[in-house]
Amino acid sequence: MVAALQGVLDEYVVENHLAPSISAAVLVPGTGWWYGTSGYADRESEGLATTDTVYAIGSITKTFVAALVLRLAEEGFLGLDDPASDHLGPVAGSKTNGATVRQLLSMRSGIDSYTDHFDQNFDAVYSVADLIDMIGEPHFAPGAEFEYSNSNYLLLGLIAEVVTGGPLGELLHEYLIDRFDLERTYYGSADVAAEPLAHGYVTIDGELTDVYDGSGHLPFAAATSAALGAGSMASDTADIGRWIYLLYGGQVLRPASQAELVDFSASIEYGLGTIRFVVPGTGQVIGHSGSIPGFASAAYMARDSGTIVVILTNGEMLDMNGALNLLFAAAR
């Protein structure tokens, strides 16, 4: 099994040159964890990826923000069926389309995604006001349908700050990161990640280009200032594997909140910060994928077997679903 799992990573990185590096974690219940890497975390220095290498995780951040909001609901800071505007200032509140907190969590708000109008400047640092201003007119009435929008989780991060009075990074550490000993997990521009770090690579004019700026914020400082609650976190595969195990294993939330997290009655593919789909031969899996300039990621648990697969990579060309399918197959 170890040889088969490592072979998947080497095929994608060494043979097919689809990413500078890939790091993976796999849990096979009753057997244990496997961690593997292949390729370069930094192509210029030829620094190899290790199991401790930190990558930007993009929208896997949404699993943390959803869990945080559910924890705050458990403590009475807000209700999931409250109008989202009740917990925001007038400017951000005007962008909520009348949607509830639950509808933001489940991507059923109809709110336009600010990232659809975003032209990434590698040097600029964005204010929250800048990002809110990018949200356009709503697409449909709240609750009418599912549509993935990063604005939902940008606004949820702001809601968490308003109802508690604390910065989102500190809240994530207090309620989740520190509480569950995720020592290699970092939030946005609030945390400087400790080495070793993966450099993110994007294709510019046909060439792989390193976008890391040396700031300790992945993928780079401007991106973390723009992603916030929608996707600004960074971590390694061991921490994300542990997080998926704890979150979907019922150790983070109370039973009622856990049921809300994985309630797909409103949308067959999205619960609360949770994607659901079927992996051939494995069955239904739950978790989240992510992408942010220079990085792609995926972290899922099989609902029947409990097998967990986490993939982090510092490129944008890798077939993430294909890699997931192969790793789940090798773990059977």
C-alpha atoms as a PDB file:
ATOM      1  CA  MET A   1       0.000   0.000   0.000  1.00  0.00           C
ATOM      2  CA  VAL A   2       2.837   2.412   0.853  1.00  0.00           C
ATOM      3  CA  ALA A   3       4.454   1.795  -2.533  1.00  0.00           C
ATOM      4  CA  ALA A   4       1.138   2.345  -4.325  1.00  0.00           C
ATOM      5  CA  LEU A   5       0.436   5.594  -2.472  1.00  0.00           C
ATOM      6  CA  GLN A   6       3.916   6.980  -3.112  1.00  0.00           C
ATOM      7  CA  GLY A   7       3.613   5.906  -6.729  1.00  0.00           C
ATOM      8  CA  VAL A   8       0.584   8.155  -7.196  1.00  0.00           C
ATOM      9  CA  LEU A   9       2.543  11.191  -6.006  1.00  0.00           C
ATOM     10  CA  ASP A  10       5.589  10.384  -8.142  1.00  0.00           C
ATOM     11  CA  GLU A  11       3.451   9.816 -11.228  1.00  0.00           C
ATOM     12  CA  TYR A  12       1.899  13.267 -10.972  1.00  0.00           C
ATOM     13  CA  VAL A  13       5.084  15.141 -10.103  1.00  0.00           C
ATOM     14  CA  VAL A  14       8.030  13.231 -11.544  1.00  0.00           C
ATOM     15  CA  GLU A  15       6.514  11.520 -14.593  1.00  0.00           C
ATOM     16  CA  ASN A  16       3.826  13.969 -15.703  1.00  0.00           C
ATOM     17  CA  HIS A  17       5.351  17.224 -14.383  1.00  0.00           C
ATOM     18  CA  LEU A  18       1.910  18.447 -13.281  1.00  0.00           C
ATOM     19  CA  ALA A  19       3.110  20.293 -10.171  1.00  0.00           C
ATOM     20  CA  PRO A  20       6.449  21.260  -8.599  1.00  0.00           C
ATOM     21  CA  SER A  21       5.518  19.197  -5.543  1.00  0.00           C
ATOM     22  CA  ILE A  22       2.717  17.289  -3.900  1.00  0.00           C
ATOM     23  CA  SER A  23       2.254  16.360  -0.252  1.00  0.00           C
ATOM     24  CA  ALA A  24      -0.353  13.861   0.913  1.00  0.00           C
ATOM     25  CA  ALA A  25      -1.729  12.271   4.048  1.00  0.00           C
ATOM     26  CA  VAL A  26      -3.880   9.142   4.087  1.00  0.00           C
ATOM     27  CA  LEU A  27      -5.657   7.553   7.038  1.00  0.00           C
ATOM     28  CA  VAL A  28      -6.726   3.934   6.720  1.00  0.00           C
ATOM     29  CA  PRO A  29      -8.843   3.112   9.789  1.00  0.00           C
ATOM     30  CA  GLY A  30      -7.427   0.184  11.711  1.00  0.00           C
ATOM     31  CA  THR A  31      -4.079   0.540   9.943  1.00  0.00           C
ATOM     32  CA  GLY A  32      -2.872   4.081  10.563  1.00  0.00           C
ATOM     33  CA  TRP A  33      -1.628   7.230   8.874  1.00  0.00           C
ATOM     34  CA  TRP A  34       0.664   7.455   5.869  1.00  0.00           C
ATOM     35  CA  TYR A  35       2.426  10.677   4.843  1.00  0.00           C
ATOM     36  CA  GLY A  36       4.287  11.185   1.595  1.00  0.00           C
ATOM     37  CA  THR A  37       5.770  13.881  -0.618  1.00  0.00           C
ATOM     38  CA  SER A  38       7.271  14.235  -4.063  1.00  0.00           C
ATOM     39  CA  GLY A  39       9.000  17.118  -5.808  1.00  0.00           C
ATOM     40  CA  TYR A  40      10.288  20.581  -4.962  1.00  0.00           C
ATOM     41  CA  ALA A  41       8.790  22.980  -2.450  1.00  0.00           C
ATOM     42  CA  ASP A  42      11.138  25.606  -3.932  1.00  0.00           C
ATOM     43  CA  ARG A  43      12.360  24.945  -7.473  1.00  0.00           C
ATOM     44  CA  GLU A  44      15.079  27.621  -7.442  1.00  0.00           C
ATOM     45  CA  SER A  45      16.873  26.266  -4.377  1.00  0.00           C
ATOM     46  CA  GLU A  46      15.851  22.683  -5.234  1.00  0.00           C
ATOM     47  CA  GLY A  47      14.436  22.389  -1.722  1.00  0.00           C
ATOM     48  CA  LEU A  48      12.450  19.168  -1.567  1.00  0.00           C
ATOM     49  CA  ALA A  49       8.983  19.050  -0.057  1.00  0.00           C
ATOM     50  CA  THR A  50       8.833  17.276   3.301  1.00  0.00           C
ATOM     51  CA  THR A  51       5.912  16.095   5.387  1.00  0.00           C
ATOM     52  CA  ASP A  52       6.305  19.289   7.468  1.00  0.00           C
ATOM     53  CA  THR A  53       6.092  21.629   4.476  1.00  0.00           C
ATOM     54  CA  VAL A  54       3.314  24.208   4.776  1.00  0.00           C
ATOM     55  CA  TYR A  55       1.106  24.974   1.753  1.00  0.00           C
ATOM     56  CA  ALA A  56      -1.679  27.502   1.199  1.00  0.00           C
ATOM     57  CA  ILE A  57      -4.946  25.537   1.522  1.00  0.00           C
ATOM     58  CA  GLY A  58      -7.352  27.940  -0.197  1.00  0.00           C
ATOM     59  CA  SER A  59     -11.010  27.083   0.336  1.00  0.00           C
ATOM     60  CA  ILE A  60     -10.349  24.291   2.833  1.00  0.00           C
ATOM     61  CA  THR A  61     -10.377  27.426   5.038  1.00  0.00           C
ATOM     62  CA  LYS A  62     -14.172  27.311   4.677  1.00  0.00           C
ATOM     63  CA  THR A  63     -14.362  24.154   6.806  1.00  0.00           C
ATOM     64  CA  PHE A  64     -12.725  26.102   9.642  1.00  0.00           C
ATOM     65  CA  VAL A  65     -14.942  29.173   9.238  1.00  0.00           C
ATOM     66  CA  ALA A  66     -18.103  27.047   9.092  1.00  0.00           C
ATOM     67  CA  ALA A  67     -17.056  25.191  12.259  1.00  0.00           C
ATOM     68  CA  LEU A  68     -16.278  28.482  13.990  1.00  0.00           C
ATOM     69  CA  VAL A  69     -19.687  29.961  13.128  1.00  0.00           C
ATOM     70  CA  LEU A  70     -21.408  26.791  14.350  1.00  0.00           C
ATOM     71  CA  ARG A  71     -19.425  26.968  17.605  1.00  0.00           C
ATOM     72  CA  LEU A  72     -20.457  30.617  18.044  1.00  0.00           C
ATOM     73  CA  ALA A  73     -24.074  29.608  17.448  1.00  0.00           C
ATOM     74  CA  GLU A  74     -23.707  26.930  20.143  1.00  0.00           C
ATOM     75  CA  GLU A  75     -22.562  29.642  22.555  1.00  0.00           C
ATOM     76  CA  GLY A  76     -25.456  31.969  21.711  1.00  0.00           C
ATOM     77  CA  PHE A  77     -23.562  34.657  19.805  1.00  0.00           C
ATOM     78  CA  LEU A  78     -25.890  34.254  16.815  1.00  0.00           C
ATOM     79  CA  GLY A  79     -28.581  32.049  15.312  1.00  0.00           C
ATOM     80  CA  LEU A  80     -28.176  30.245  12.017  1.00  0.00           C
ATOM     81  CA  ASP A  81     -31.525  31.562  10.844  1.00  0.00           C
ATOM     82  CA  ASP A  82     -30.778  35.173  11.804  1.00  0.00           C
ATOM     83  CA  PRO A  83     -30.620  37.612   8.889  1.00  0.00           C
ATOM     84  CA  ALA A  84     -26.911  37.959   8.169  1.00  0.00           C
ATOM     85  CA  SER A  85     -27.312  41.744   8.025  1.00  0.00           C
ATOM     86  CA  ASP A  86     -28.244  41.755  11.742  1.00  0.00           C
ATOM     87  CA  HIS A  87     -24.611  40.952  12.548  1.00  0.00           C
ATOM     88  CA  LEU A  88     -22.852  43.289  10.124  1.00  0.00           C
ATOM     89  CA  GLY A  89     -22.347  46.993   9.703  1.00  0.00           C
ATOM     90  CA  PRO A  90     -24.518  48.887   7.195  1.00  0.00           C
ATOM     91  CA  VAL A  91     -22.115  48.639   4.250  1.00  0.00           C
ATOM     92  CA  ALA A  92     -21.423  44.898   4.493  1.00  0.00           C
ATOM     93  CA  GLY A  93     -25.013  44.285   5.587  1.00  0.00           C
ATOM     94  CA  SER A  94     -26.287  45.873   2.387  1.00  0.00           C
ATOM     95  CA  LYS A  95     -24.515  43.132   0.399  1.00  0.00           C
ATOM     96  CA  THR A  96     -26.247  40.179   2.095  1.00  0.00           C
ATOM     97  CA  ASN A  97     -29.308  40.077  -0.215  1.00  0.00           C
ATOM     98  CA  GLY A  98     -31.561  39.430   2.788  1.00  0.00           C
ATOM     99  CA  ALA A  99     -29.959  35.997   3.277  1.00  0.00           C
ATOM    100  CA  THR A 100     -29.643  34.238   6.626  1.00  0.00           C
ATOM    101  CA  VAL A 101     -26.413  33.053   8.235  1.00  0.00           C
ATOM    102  CA  ARG A 102     -27.381  29.488   7.282  1.00  0.00           C
ATOM    103  CA  GLN A 103     -27.830  30.488   3.634  1.00  0.00           C
ATOM    104  CA  LEU A 104     -24.349  32.005   3.593  1.00  0.00           C
ATOM    105  CA  LEU A 105     -22.920  28.811   5.094  1.00  0.00           C
ATOM    106  CA  SER A 106     -24.691  26.626   2.524  1.00  0.00           C
ATOM    107  CA  MET A 107     -23.953  28.815  -0.528  1.00  0.00           C
ATOM    108  CA  ARG A 108     -27.662  29.490  -1.086  1.00  0.00           C
ATOM    109  CA  SER A 109     -27.628  33.247  -0.539  1.00  0.00           C
ATOM    110  CA  GLY A 110     -27.587  34.457  -4.129  1.00  0.00           C
ATOM    111  CA  ILE A 111     -24.770  36.879  -3.217  1.00  0.00           C
ATOM    112  CA  ASP A 112     -22.399  37.717  -6.053  1.00  0.00           C
ATOM    113  CA  SER A 113     -18.821  36.418  -5.595  1.00  0.00           C
ATOM    114  CA  TYR A 114     -16.339  39.244  -5.167  1.00  0.00           C
ATOM    115  CA  THR A 115     -13.573  37.075  -6.623  1.00  0.00           C
ATOM    116  CA  ASP A 116     -15.370  37.102  -9.985  1.00  0.00           C
ATOM    117  CA  HIS A 117     -14.366  40.763 -10.243  1.00  0.00           C
ATOM    118  CA  PHE A 118     -10.934  40.416  -8.729  1.00  0.00           C
ATOM    119  CA  ASP A 119      -7.757  41.207 -10.657  1.00  0.00           C
ATOM    120  CA  GLN A 120      -4.945  39.899  -8.440  1.00  0.00           C
ATOM    121  CA  ASN A 121      -2.238  42.481  -7.878  1.00  0.00           C
ATOM    122  CA  PHE A 122       0.844  40.718  -6.491  1.00  0.00           C
ATOM    123  CA  ASP A 123       1.942  43.837  -4.599  1.00  0.00           C
ATOM    124  CA  ALA A 124      -1.275  45.447  -3.329  1.00  0.00           C
ATOM    125  CA  VAL A 125      -2.734  44.878   0.123  1.00  0.00           C
ATOM    126  CA  TYR A 126      -6.531  44.957   0.149  1.00  0.00           C
ATOM    127  CA  SER A 127      -8.786  46.376   2.851  1.00  0.00           C
ATOM    128  CA  VAL A 128     -12.064  44.752   3.833  1.00  0.00           C
ATOM    129  CA  ALA A 129     -13.816  47.787   2.354  1.00  0.00           C
ATOM    130  CA  ASP A 130     -12.063  47.133  -0.972  1.00  0.00           C
ATOM    131  CA  LEU A 131     -13.337  43.556  -1.018  1.00  0.00           C
ATOM    132  CA  ILE A 132     -16.896  44.403   0.017  1.00  0.00           C
ATOM    133  CA  ASP A 133     -17.018  46.997  -2.747  1.00  0.00           C
ATOM    134  CA  MET A 134     -16.277  44.271  -5.310  1.00  0.00           C
ATOM    135  CA  ILE A 135     -19.527  42.391  -4.516  1.00  0.00           C
ATOM    136  CA  GLY A 136     -21.946  43.028  -7.375  1.00  0.00           C
ATOM    137  CA  GLU A 137     -25.712  42.688  -7.681  1.00  0.00           C
ATOM    138  CA  PRO A 138     -27.265  39.470  -6.296  1.00  0.00           C
ATOM    139  CA  HIS A 139     -27.963  36.611  -8.692  1.00  0.00           C
ATOM    140  CA  PHE A 140     -31.210  35.206  -7.249  1.00  0.00           C
ATOM    141  CA  ALA A 141     -33.447  35.291  -4.186  1.00  0.00           C
ATOM    142  CA  PRO A 142     -31.907  33.736  -1.049  1.00  0.00           C
ATOM    143  CA  GLY A 143     -32.692  30.039  -0.738  1.00  0.00           C
ATOM    144  CA  ALA A 144     -33.749  29.687  -4.373  1.00  0.00           C
ATOM    145  CA  GLU A 145     -30.738  27.634  -5.455  1.00  0.00           C
ATOM    146  CA  PHE A 146     -27.107  26.720  -4.814  1.00  0.00           C
ATOM    147  CA  GLU A 147     -24.281  28.827  -6.217  1.00  0.00           C
ATOM    148  CA  TYR A 148     -20.712  28.803  -4.958  1.00  0.00           C
ATOM    149  CA  SER A 149     -19.685  32.313  -3.932  1.00  0.00           C
ATOM    150  CA  ASN A 150     -16.602  33.342  -1.980  1.00  0.00           C
ATOM    151  CA  SER A 151     -18.484  36.400  -0.718  1.00  0.00           C
ATOM    152  CA  ASN A 152     -20.466  34.149   1.617  1.00  0.00           C
ATOM    153  CA  TYR A 153     -17.371  33.217   3.609  1.00  0.00           C
ATOM    154  CA  LEU A 154     -15.851  36.667   3.420  1.00  0.00           C
ATOM    155  CA  LEU A 155     -19.053  37.902   5.120  1.00  0.00           C
ATOM    156  CA  LEU A 156     -19.166  34.997   7.599  1.00  0.00           C
ATOM    157  CA  GLY A 157     -15.671  35.883   8.777  1.00  0.00           C
ATOM    158  CA  LEU A 158     -16.835  39.450   9.345  1.00  0.00           C
ATOM    159  CA  ILE A 159     -19.926  38.229  11.201  1.00  0.00           C
ATOM    160  CA  ALA A 160     -17.739  36.200  13.567  1.00  0.00           C
ATOM    161  CA  GLU A 161     -15.716  39.326  14.283  1.00  0.00           C
ATOM    162  CA  VAL A 162     -18.761  41.537  14.862  1.00  0.00           C
ATOM    163  CA  VAL A 163     -20.594  39.191  17.243  1.00  0.00           C
ATOM    164  CA  THR A 164     -17.506  38.461  19.358  1.00  0.00           C
ATOM    165  CA  GLY A 165     -15.508  41.671  18.980  1.00  0.00           C
ATOM    166  CA  GLY A 166     -12.399  39.645  18.164  1.00  0.00           C
ATOM    167  CA  PRO A 167     -10.272  39.384  14.996  1.00  0.00           C
ATOM    168  CA  LEU A 168     -11.014  36.304  12.882  1.00  0.00           C
ATOM    169  CA  GLY A 169      -7.472  34.958  13.194  1.00  0.00           C
ATOM    170  CA  GLU A 170      -7.608  35.053  16.986  1.00  0.00           C
ATOM    171  CA  LEU A 171     -11.035  33.406  16.996  1.00  0.00           C
ATOM    172  CA  LEU A 172      -9.839  30.568  14.762  1.00  0.00           C
ATOM    173  CA  HIS A 173      -6.879  29.999  17.069  1.00  0.00           C
ATOM    174  CA  GLU A 174      -8.966  30.131  20.245  1.00  0.00           C
ATOM    175  CA  TYR A 175     -11.821  27.918  19.107  1.00  0.00           C
ATOM    176  CA  LEU A 176     -10.094  25.534  16.719  1.00  0.00           C
ATOM    177  CA  ILE A 177      -6.392  25.779  15.825  1.00  0.00           C
ATOM    178  CA  ASP A 178      -4.921  25.944  19.347  1.00  0.00           C
ATOM    179  CA  ARG A 179      -7.718  23.961  20.947  1.00  0.00           C
ATOM    180  CA  PHE A 180      -7.016  20.961  18.720  1.00  0.00           C
ATOM    181  CA  ASP A 181      -3.212  21.308  18.650  1.00  0.00           C
ATOM    182  CA  LEU A 182      -2.919  22.173  14.968  1.00  0.00           C
ATOM    183  CA  GLU A 183       0.621  23.477  15.384  1.00  0.00           C
ATOM    184  CA  ARG A 184       1.401  23.940  11.671  1.00  0.00           C
ATOM    185  CA  THR A 185      -1.832  25.755  10.759  1.00  0.00           C
ATOM    186  CA  TYR A 186      -1.878  29.509  10.115  1.00  0.00           C
ATOM    187  CA  TYR A 187      -4.449  32.195   9.350  1.00  0.00           C
ATOM    188  CA  GLY A 188      -3.848  34.729   6.608  1.00  0.00           C
ATOM    189  CA  SER A 189      -1.758  37.810   7.205  1.00  0.00           C
ATOM    190  CA  ALA A 190      -2.281  37.545  10.982  1.00  0.00           C
ATOM    191  CA  ASP A 191       0.164  34.614  11.269  1.00  0.00           C
ATOM    192  CA  VAL A 192       3.687  34.252   9.924  1.00  0.00           C
ATOM    193  CA  ALA A 193       4.134  30.601   8.973  1.00  0.00           C
ATOM    194  CA  ALA A 194       7.261  28.796  10.153  1.00  0.00           C
ATOM    195  CA  GLU A 195       9.581  27.121   7.665  1.00  0.00           C
ATOM    196  CA  PRO A 196       9.598  24.886   5.717  1.00  0.00           C
ATOM    197  CA  LEU A 197       7.162  26.596   3.336  1.00  0.00           C
ATOM    198  CA  ALA A 198       6.195  25.701  -0.211  1.00  0.00           C
ATOM    199  CA  HIS A 199       6.537  28.403  -2.854  1.00  0.00           C
ATOM    200  CA  GLY A 200       3.462  28.727  -5.054  1.00  0.00           C
ATOM    201  CA  TYR A 201       3.845  28.585  -8.844  1.00  0.00           C
ATOM    202  CA  VAL A 202       1.590  30.021 -11.536  1.00  0.00           C
ATOM    203  CA  THR A 203       2.018  29.876 -15.303  1.00  0.00           C
ATOM    204  CA  ILE A 204       2.855  33.283 -16.790  1.00  0.00           C
ATOM    205  CA  ASP A 205       3.717  33.529 -20.502  1.00  0.00           C
ATOM    206  CA  GLY A 206       4.059  29.761 -20.606  1.00  0.00           C
ATOM    207  CA  GLU A 207       6.564  29.614 -17.747  1.00  0.00           C
ATOM    208  CA  LEU A 208       6.134  28.429 -14.159  1.00  0.00           C
ATOM    209  CA  THR A 209       6.625  31.529 -12.015  1.00  0.00           C
ATOM    210  CA  ASP A 210       7.258  31.625  -8.260  1.00  0.00           C
ATOM    211  CA  VAL A 211       4.781  34.025  -6.616  1.00  0.00           C
ATOM    212  CA  TYR A 212       6.081  33.773  -3.041  1.00  0.00           C
ATOM    213  CA  ASP A 213       7.188  37.161  -1.667  1.00  0.00           C
ATOM    214  CA  GLY A 214       9.218  36.013   1.347  1.00  0.00           C
ATOM    215  CA  SER A 215       6.664  37.395   3.833  1.00  0.00           C
ATOM    216  CA  GLY A 216       5.780  34.131   5.595  1.00  0.00           C
ATOM    217  CA  HIS A 217       2.202  34.508   4.305  1.00  0.00           C
ATOM    218  CA  LEU A 218       1.111  31.967   1.700  1.00  0.00           C
ATOM    219  CA  PRO A 219       0.741  32.251  -1.187  1.00  0.00           C
ATOM    220  CA  PHE A 220       1.881  35.891  -0.715  1.00  0.00           C
ATOM    221  CA  ALA A 221       0.811  38.820   1.454  1.00  0.00           C
ATOM    222  CA  ALA A 222      -1.554  40.456  -1.065  1.00  0.00           C
ATOM    223  CA  ALA A 223      -3.436  37.190  -1.573  1.00  0.00           C
ATOM    224  CA  THR A 224      -3.966  36.597   2.138  1.00  0.00           C
ATOM    225  CA  SER A 225      -5.292  40.146   2.531  1.00  0.00           C
ATOM    226  CA  ALA A 226      -7.833  39.389  -0.189  1.00  0.00           C
ATOM    227  CA  ALA A 227      -8.896  35.841   0.722  1.00  0.00           C
ATOM    228  CA  LEU A 228      -9.650  36.250   4.473  1.00  0.00           C
ATOM    229  CA  GLY A 229     -12.423  33.869   5.612  1.00  0.00           C
ATOM    230  CA  ALA A 230     -12.926  32.608   2.073  1.00  0.00           C
ATOM    231  CA  GLY A 231      -9.509  31.014   1.729  1.00  0.00           C
ATOM    232  CA  SER A 232      -6.481  32.567   3.430  1.00  0.00           C
ATOM    233  CA  MET A 233      -5.226  29.715   5.626  1.00  0.00           C
ATOM    234  CA  ALA A 234      -2.071  27.605   5.286  1.00  0.00           C
ATOM    235  CA  SER A 235      -1.130  24.256   6.820  1.00  0.00           C
ATOM    236  CA  ASP A 236       0.595  20.918   6.308  1.00  0.00           C
ATOM    237  CA  THR A 237      -0.988  17.572   5.479  1.00  0.00           C
ATOM    238  CA  ALA A 238      -0.683  16.155   9.003  1.00  0.00           C
ATOM    239  CA  ASP A 239      -2.661  19.037  10.523  1.00  0.00           C
ATOM    240  CA  ILE A 240      -5.312  19.009   7.802  1.00  0.00           C
ATOM    241  CA  GLY A 241      -5.687  15.246   8.081  1.00  0.00           C
ATOM    242  CA  ARG A 242      -6.131  15.583  11.836  1.00  0.00           C
ATOM    243  CA  TRP A 243      -8.631  18.421  11.306  1.00  0.00           C
ATOM    244  CA  ILE A 244     -10.757  16.389   8.873  1.00  0.00           C
ATOM    245  CA  TYR A 245     -10.667  13.428  11.268  1.00  0.00           C
ATOM    246  CA  LEU A 246     -11.794  15.560  14.205  1.00  0.00           C
ATOM    247  CA  LEU A 247     -14.370  17.650  12.337  1.00  0.00           C
ATOM    248  CA  TYR A 248     -16.192  14.871  10.503  1.00  0.00           C
ATOM    249  CA  GLY A 249     -15.602  12.424  13.320  1.00  0.00           C
ATOM    250  CA  GLY A 250     -17.801  14.544  15.580  1.00  0.00           C
ATOM    251  CA  GLN A 251     -15.143  15.833  17.992  1.00  0.00           C
ATOM    252  CA  VAL A 252     -15.379  19.549  17.196  1.00  0.00           C
ATOM    253  CA  LEU A 253     -19.118  20.285  17.337  1.00  0.00           C
ATOM    254  CA  ARG A 254     -22.056  19.256  19.471  1.00  0.00           C
ATOM    255  CA  PRO A 255     -24.294  16.555  17.923  1.00  0.00           C
ATOM    256  CA  ALA A 256     -26.966  19.022  16.763  1.00  0.00           C
ATOM    257  CA  SER A 257     -24.375  21.241  15.110  1.00  0.00           C
ATOM    258  CA  GLN A 258     -22.682  18.205  13.588  1.00  0.00           C
ATOM    259  CA  ALA A 259     -25.979  17.256  11.973  1.00  0.00           C
ATOM    260  CA  GLU A 260     -26.274  20.775  10.539  1.00  0.00           C
ATOM    261  CA  LEU A 261     -22.727  20.599   9.146  1.00  0.00           C
ATOM    262  CA  VAL A 262     -23.484  17.539   6.996  1.00  0.00           C
ATOM    263  CA  ASP A 263     -27.129  18.277   6.189  1.00  0.00           C
ATOM    264  CA  PHE A 264     -27.427  18.103   2.402  1.00  0.00           C
ATOM    265  CA  SER A 265     -31.222  18.374   2.234  1.00  0.00           C
ATOM    266  CA  ALA A 266     -31.067  21.876   0.747  1.00  0.00           C
ATOM    267  CA  SER A 267     -28.362  21.011  -1.787  1.00  0.00           C
ATOM    268  CA  ILE A 268     -27.149  17.572  -2.848  1.00  0.00           C
ATOM    269  CA  GLU A 269     -23.550  18.756  -3.159  1.00  0.00           C
ATOM    270  CA  TYR A 270     -22.993  21.292  -0.358  1.00  0.00           C
ATOM    271  CA  GLY A 271     -23.811  21.196   3.351  1.00  0.00           C
ATOM    272  CA  LEU A 272     -22.371  23.891   5.645  1.00  0.00           C
ATOM    273  CA  GLY A 273     -18.827  24.512   4.451  1.00  0.00           C
ATOM    274  CA  THR A 274     -18.766  20.902   3.264  1.00  0.00           C
ATOM    275  CA  ILE A 275     -18.654  19.443  -0.245  1.00  0.00           C
ATOM    276  CA  ARG A 276     -20.104  16.002  -0.968  1.00  0.00           C
ATOM    277  CA  PHE A 277     -19.449  13.806  -4.006  1.00  0.00           C
ATOM    278  CA  VAL A 278     -18.849  10.169  -4.960  1.00  0.00           C
ATOM    279  CA  VAL A 279     -15.418   8.660  -5.557  1.00  0.00           C
ATOM    280  CA  PRO A 280     -15.666   5.545  -7.774  1.00  0.00           C
ATOM    281  CA  GLY A 281     -15.049   2.411  -5.737  1.00  0.00           C
ATOM    282  CA  THR A 282     -14.987   4.346  -2.466  1.00  0.00           C
ATOM    283  CA  GLY A 283     -18.464   5.864  -2.268  1.00  0.00           C
ATOM    284  CA  GLN A 284     -19.534   9.193  -0.853  1.00  0.00           C
ATOM    285  CA  VAL A 285     -16.833  11.490   0.517  1.00  0.00           C
ATOM    286  CA  ILE A 286     -17.160  14.783   2.413  1.00  0.00           C
ATOM    287  CA  GLY A 287     -14.717  17.622   2.931  1.00  0.00           C
ATOM    288  CA  HIS A 288     -13.519  20.512   0.778  1.00  0.00           C
ATOM    289  CA  SER A 289     -11.177  21.435  -2.055  1.00  0.00           C
ATOM    290  CA  GLY A 290      -9.293  24.680  -2.504  1.00  0.00           C
ATOM    291  CA  SER A 291      -7.345  26.797  -4.931  1.00  0.00           C
ATOM    292  CA  ILE A 292      -5.525  30.098  -4.591  1.00  0.00           C
ATOM    293  CA  PRO A 293      -2.779  31.490  -6.868  1.00  0.00           C
ATOM    294  CA  GLY A 294       0.042  28.955  -6.969  1.00  0.00           C
ATOM    295  CA  PHE A 295      -1.668  26.254  -4.890  1.00  0.00           C
ATOM    296  CA  ALA A 296      -4.392  23.606  -5.048  1.00  0.00           C
ATOM    297  CA  SER A 297      -5.695  21.365  -2.269  1.00  0.00           C
ATOM    298  CA  ALA A 298      -8.243  18.718  -1.328  1.00  0.00           C
ATOM    299  CA  ALA A 299      -9.191  17.013   1.947  1.00  0.00           C
ATOM    300  CA  TYR A 300     -11.940  14.380   2.159  1.00  0.00           C
ATOM    301  CA  MET A 301     -13.240  11.590   4.372  1.00  0.00           C
ATOM    302  CA  ALA A 302     -15.059   8.533   2.971  1.00  0.00           C
ATOM    303  CA  ARG A 303     -18.342   8.280   4.844  1.00  0.00           C
ATOM    304  CA  ASP A 304     -18.536   4.471   4.737  1.00  0.00           C
ATOM    305  CA  SER A 305     -14.951   3.474   5.528  1.00  0.00           C
ATOM    306  CA  GLY A 306     -13.649   6.554   7.353  1.00  0.00           C
ATOM    307  CA  THR A 307     -10.601   6.653   5.058  1.00  0.00           C
ATOM    308  CA  ILE A 308      -9.174  10.179   4.770  1.00  0.00           C
ATOM    309  CA  VAL A 309      -7.135  11.598   1.890  1.00  0.00           C
ATOM    310  CA  VAL A 310      -5.450  15.020   1.979  1.00  0.00           C
ATOM    311  CA  ILE A 311      -3.557  16.481  -0.980  1.00  0.00           C
ATOM    312  CA  LEU A 312      -1.631  19.770  -0.970  1.00  0.00           C
ATOM    313  CA  THR A 313       0.297  21.008  -4.003  1.00  0.00           C
ATOM    314  CA  ASN A 314       2.150  24.160  -5.024  1.00  0.00           C
ATOM    315  CA  GLY A 315       0.986  24.246  -8.645  1.00  0.00           C
ATOM    316  CA  GLU A 316      -2.254  24.738 -10.542  1.00  0.00           C
ATOM    317  CA  MET A 317      -2.119  22.039 -13.247  1.00  0.00           C
ATOM    318  CA  LEU A 318      -2.660  18.896 -11.188  1.00  0.00           C
ATOM    319  CA  ASP A 319      -5.881  16.902 -11.730  1.00  0.00           C
ATOM    320  CA  MET A 320      -6.987  16.978  -8.116  1.00  0.00           C
ATOM    321  CA  ASN A 321      -9.996  14.687  -8.503  1.00  0.00           C
ATOM    322  CA  GLY A 322      -7.877  12.196 -10.429  1.00  0.00           C
ATOM    323  CA  ALA A 323      -5.264  12.197  -7.674  1.00  0.00           C
ATOM    324  CA  LEU A 324      -7.960  11.757  -5.033  1.00  0.00           C
ATOM    325  CA  ASN A 325      -9.450   8.808  -6.911  1.00  0.00           C
ATOM    326  CA  LEU A 326      -6.046   7.107  -7.191  1.00  0.00           C
ATOM    327  CA  LEU A 327      -5.120   7.646  -3.537  1.00  0.00           C
ATOM    328  CA  PHE A 328      -8.489   6.398  -2.288  1.00  0.00           C
ATOM    329  CA  ALA A 329      -8.106   3.347  -4.571  1.00  0.00           C
ATOM    330  CA  ALA A 330      -4.568   2.666  -3.314  1.00  0.00           C
ATOM    331  CA  ALA A 331      -5.802   2.879   0.283  1.00  0.00           C
ATOM    332  CA  ARG A 332      -8.453   0.196  -0.142  1.00  0.00           C
END
